[in-house]
Amino acid sequence: MPGDNNKIIGYFGYSPPANVVCDGNACLIAGSETAFKQYMKLAKHPHSDKVIIKKTSFVEVSRGLSMGAPYSFDKEAYDRFYPLAKKAGLDVAKTDFKAEADGEIKFMTLRPKSSWLSAITRGFK
């Protein structure tokens, strides 16, 4: 599994020094830089022009989860994260991300609680 740790699963954003872009109170992980920018635009993120967007790897996200940080993934990022998480023995749920008829964008949110992860699927317009 060492090679899996460094696999890029998506993109996150932050404003220096360390203000991470969140969906609610969970760090947003998008499958592409373009998608991340689109989510910020839809959310009318203040100062989006100052946000630095960077790639994030499986090990970075799994380390954050182990420290109690919640994450919200879009479909593309979760499709990359899920098989690696299962292979690593994390208790994560499979989701189908079926889009609503009104064009709502879905996110899978993982929130660590003690030694287990709770997962919810949320929408975002």
C-alpha atoms as a PDB file:
ATOM      1  CA  MET A   1       0.000   0.000   0.000  1.00  0.00           C
ATOM      2  CA  PRO A   2       2.915   2.497   0.192  1.00  0.00           C
ATOM      3  CA  GLY A   3       2.336   3.503  -3.450  1.00  0.00           C
ATOM      4  CA  ASP A   4      -1.346   4.143  -2.735  1.00  0.00           C
ATOM      5  CA  ASN A   5      -0.518   6.646   0.009  1.00  0.00           C
ATOM      6  CA  ASN A   6       0.853   9.152  -2.468  1.00  0.00           C
ATOM      7  CA  LYS A   7      -1.950   8.840  -5.011  1.00  0.00           C
ATOM      8  CA  ILE A   8      -3.620  12.163  -5.688  1.00  0.00           C
ATOM      9  CA  ILE A   9      -7.313  12.010  -4.914  1.00  0.00           C
ATOM     10  CA  GLY A  10      -8.283  15.614  -5.515  1.00  0.00           C
ATOM     11  CA  TYR A  11      -7.777  19.293  -4.801  1.00  0.00           C
ATOM     12  CA  PHE A  12      -8.303  21.487  -1.749  1.00  0.00           C
ATOM     13  CA  GLY A  13      -7.954  25.207  -1.263  1.00  0.00           C
ATOM     14  CA  TYR A  14      -6.696  27.533   1.413  1.00  0.00           C
ATOM     15  CA  SER A  15      -6.026  31.187   2.041  1.00  0.00           C
ATOM     16  CA  PRO A  16      -2.677  31.822   3.698  1.00  0.00           C
ATOM     17  CA  PRO A  17      -1.659  31.202   6.317  1.00  0.00           C
ATOM     18  CA  ALA A  18      -3.990  28.252   6.947  1.00  0.00           C
ATOM     19  CA  ASN A  19      -7.661  29.028   6.266  1.00  0.00           C
ATOM     20  CA  VAL A  20      -8.952  25.938   4.474  1.00  0.00           C
ATOM     21  CA  VAL A  21     -11.935  26.252   2.129  1.00  0.00           C
ATOM     22  CA  CYS A  22     -14.819  24.318   3.649  1.00  0.00           C
ATOM     23  CA  ASP A  23     -18.277  23.108   2.749  1.00  0.00           C
ATOM     24  CA  GLY A  24     -20.018  23.840   6.010  1.00  0.00           C
ATOM     25  CA  ASN A  25     -17.392  22.770   8.534  1.00  0.00           C
ATOM     26  CA  ALA A  26     -15.708  20.088   6.381  1.00  0.00           C
ATOM     27  CA  CYS A  27     -12.656  20.591   4.164  1.00  0.00           C
ATOM     28  CA  LEU A  28     -13.787  20.516   0.545  1.00  0.00           C
ATOM     29  CA  ILE A  29     -11.998  18.040  -1.760  1.00  0.00           C
ATOM     30  CA  ALA A  30     -12.816  18.377  -5.460  1.00  0.00           C
ATOM     31  CA  GLY A  31     -11.831  16.014  -8.249  1.00  0.00           C
ATOM     32  CA  SER A  32     -10.274  18.769 -10.337  1.00  0.00           C
ATOM     33  CA  GLU A  33      -8.996  22.296  -9.987  1.00  0.00           C
ATOM     34  CA  THR A  34     -11.720  23.452 -12.383  1.00  0.00           C
ATOM     35  CA  ALA A  35     -14.432  21.828 -10.257  1.00  0.00           C
ATOM     36  CA  PHE A  36     -12.979  23.403  -7.109  1.00  0.00           C
ATOM     37  CA  LYS A  37     -13.130  26.854  -8.702  1.00  0.00           C
ATOM     38  CA  GLN A  38     -16.711  26.187  -9.812  1.00  0.00           C
ATOM     39  CA  TYR A  39     -17.749  25.224  -6.255  1.00  0.00           C
ATOM     40  CA  MET A  40     -16.215  28.431  -4.892  1.00  0.00           C
ATOM     41  CA  LYS A  41     -18.091  30.428  -7.522  1.00  0.00           C
ATOM     42  CA  LEU A  42     -21.396  28.724  -6.724  1.00  0.00           C
ATOM     43  CA  ALA A  43     -20.842  29.275  -2.995  1.00  0.00           C
ATOM     44  CA  LYS A  44     -19.864  32.910  -3.618  1.00  0.00           C
ATOM     45  CA  HIS A  45     -16.713  32.320  -1.586  1.00  0.00           C
ATOM     46  CA  PRO A  46     -15.298  35.638  -0.372  1.00  0.00           C
ATOM     47  CA  HIS A  47     -11.801  36.397  -1.600  1.00  0.00           C
ATOM     48  CA  SER A  48     -11.787  33.387  -3.938  1.00  0.00           C
ATOM     49  CA  ASP A  49      -9.099  35.148  -5.967  1.00  0.00           C
ATOM     50  CA  LYS A  50      -6.731  34.725  -2.994  1.00  0.00           C
ATOM     51  CA  VAL A  51      -7.394  31.002  -2.512  1.00  0.00           C
ATOM     52  CA  ILE A  52      -4.471  28.716  -3.334  1.00  0.00           C
ATOM     53  CA  ILE A  53      -5.608  25.408  -4.837  1.00  0.00           C
ATOM     54  CA  LYS A  54      -3.349  22.404  -4.337  1.00  0.00           C
ATOM     55  CA  LYS A  55      -3.407  18.678  -5.016  1.00  0.00           C
ATOM     56  CA  THR A  56      -3.971  16.409  -2.038  1.00  0.00           C
ATOM     57  CA  SER A  57      -2.983  12.773  -1.649  1.00  0.00           C
ATOM     58  CA  PHE A  58      -4.663   9.842   0.029  1.00  0.00           C
ATOM     59  CA  VAL A  59      -2.186   9.902   2.915  1.00  0.00           C
ATOM     60  CA  GLU A  60      -2.813  13.605   3.577  1.00  0.00           C
ATOM     61  CA  VAL A  61      -6.567  13.093   3.782  1.00  0.00           C
ATOM     62  CA  SER A  62      -6.350   9.882   5.818  1.00  0.00           C
ATOM     63  CA  ARG A  63      -3.956  11.620   8.239  1.00  0.00           C
ATOM     64  CA  GLY A  64      -6.420  14.495   8.581  1.00  0.00           C
ATOM     65  CA  LEU A  65      -9.281  12.070   9.219  1.00  0.00           C
ATOM     66  CA  SER A  66      -7.245  10.293  11.890  1.00  0.00           C
ATOM     67  CA  MET A  67      -6.752  13.662  13.611  1.00  0.00           C
ATOM     68  CA  GLY A  68     -10.503  14.315  13.583  1.00  0.00           C
ATOM     69  CA  ALA A  69     -10.846  16.577  10.527  1.00  0.00           C
ATOM     70  CA  PRO A  70     -14.051  16.203   8.482  1.00  0.00           C
ATOM     71  CA  TYR A  71     -13.873  16.159   4.668  1.00  0.00           C
ATOM     72  CA  SER A  72     -16.485  16.688   1.925  1.00  0.00           C
ATOM     73  CA  PHE A  73     -15.702  14.993  -1.391  1.00  0.00           C
ATOM     74  CA  ASP A  74     -17.290  15.511  -4.781  1.00  0.00           C
ATOM     75  CA  LYS A  75     -17.965  12.415  -6.891  1.00  0.00           C
ATOM     76  CA  GLU A  76     -14.666  12.432  -8.771  1.00  0.00           C
ATOM     77  CA  ALA A  77     -12.568  12.800  -5.614  1.00  0.00           C
ATOM     78  CA  TYR A  78     -14.589  10.234  -3.644  1.00  0.00           C
ATOM     79  CA  ASP A  79     -14.324   7.744  -6.511  1.00  0.00           C
ATOM     80  CA  ARG A  80     -10.535   8.007  -6.121  1.00  0.00           C
ATOM     81  CA  PHE A  81     -10.568   8.020  -2.318  1.00  0.00           C
ATOM     82  CA  TYR A  82     -13.028   5.163  -1.670  1.00  0.00           C
ATOM     83  CA  PRO A  83     -11.061   2.170  -3.064  1.00  0.00           C
ATOM     84  CA  LEU A  84      -7.873   3.348  -1.349  1.00  0.00           C
ATOM     85  CA  ALA A  85      -9.726   3.831   1.940  1.00  0.00           C
ATOM     86  CA  LYS A  86     -11.276   0.359   1.754  1.00  0.00           C
ATOM     87  CA  LYS A  87      -7.888  -1.157   0.923  1.00  0.00           C
ATOM     88  CA  ALA A  88      -6.413   0.655   3.949  1.00  0.00           C
ATOM     89  CA  GLY A  89      -9.141  -0.783   6.179  1.00  0.00           C
ATOM     90  CA  LEU A  90     -11.083   2.434   6.768  1.00  0.00           C
ATOM     91  CA  ASP A  91     -14.783   2.047   7.504  1.00  0.00           C
ATOM     92  CA  VAL A  92     -16.206   4.185   4.703  1.00  0.00           C
ATOM     93  CA  ALA A  93     -19.495   3.914   2.842  1.00  0.00           C
ATOM     94  CA  LYS A  94     -20.014   3.468  -0.873  1.00  0.00           C
ATOM     95  CA  THR A  95     -22.300   6.083  -2.394  1.00  0.00           C
ATOM     96  CA  ASP A  96     -23.748   6.510  -5.863  1.00  0.00           C
ATOM     97  CA  PHE A  97     -23.916  10.336  -6.056  1.00  0.00           C
ATOM     98  CA  LYS A  98     -27.120  10.270  -8.067  1.00  0.00           C
ATOM     99  CA  ALA A  99     -27.713  13.888  -8.999  1.00  0.00           C
ATOM    100  CA  GLU A 100     -31.037  15.471  -8.238  1.00  0.00           C
ATOM    101  CA  ALA A 101     -33.157  16.535 -11.180  1.00  0.00           C
ATOM    102  CA  ASP A 102     -32.580  20.199 -10.324  1.00  0.00           C
ATOM    103  CA  GLY A 103     -28.829  19.949 -10.972  1.00  0.00           C
ATOM    104  CA  GLU A 104     -27.770  19.846  -7.341  1.00  0.00           C
ATOM    105  CA  ILE A 105     -24.111  18.910  -6.797  1.00  0.00           C
ATOM    106  CA  LYS A 106     -23.643  16.121  -4.253  1.00  0.00           C
ATOM    107  CA  PHE A 107     -20.854  15.733  -1.721  1.00  0.00           C
ATOM    108  CA  MET A 108     -19.926  12.799   0.478  1.00  0.00           C
ATOM    109  CA  THR A 109     -18.933  14.078   3.920  1.00  0.00           C
ATOM    110  CA  LEU A 110     -16.853  11.974   6.303  1.00  0.00           C
ATOM    111  CA  ARG A 111     -16.808  13.051   9.940  1.00  0.00           C
ATOM    112  CA  PRO A 112     -14.557  11.094  12.294  1.00  0.00           C
ATOM    113  CA  LYS A 113     -16.122  10.287  15.655  1.00  0.00           C
ATOM    114  CA  SER A 114     -13.856   8.473  18.066  1.00  0.00           C
ATOM    115  CA  SER A 115     -12.533   5.484  16.157  1.00  0.00           C
ATOM    116  CA  TRP A 116     -15.163   5.351  13.415  1.00  0.00           C
ATOM    117  CA  LEU A 117     -16.227   7.506  10.524  1.00  0.00           C
ATOM    118  CA  SER A 118     -19.757   8.696  10.004  1.00  0.00           C
ATOM    119  CA  ALA A 119     -20.761   9.566   6.486  1.00  0.00           C
ATOM    120  CA  ILE A 120     -23.513  11.673   5.033  1.00  0.00           C
ATOM    121  CA  THR A 121     -24.308  12.670   1.495  1.00  0.00           C
ATOM    122  CA  ARG A 122     -25.212  16.322   1.091  1.00  0.00           C
ATOM    123  CA  GLY A 123     -26.185  18.518  -1.781  1.00  0.00           C
ATOM    124  CA  PHE A 124     -24.902  21.880  -2.913  1.00  0.00           C
ATOM    125  CA  LYS A 125     -26.265  24.258  -5.532  1.00  0.00           C
END
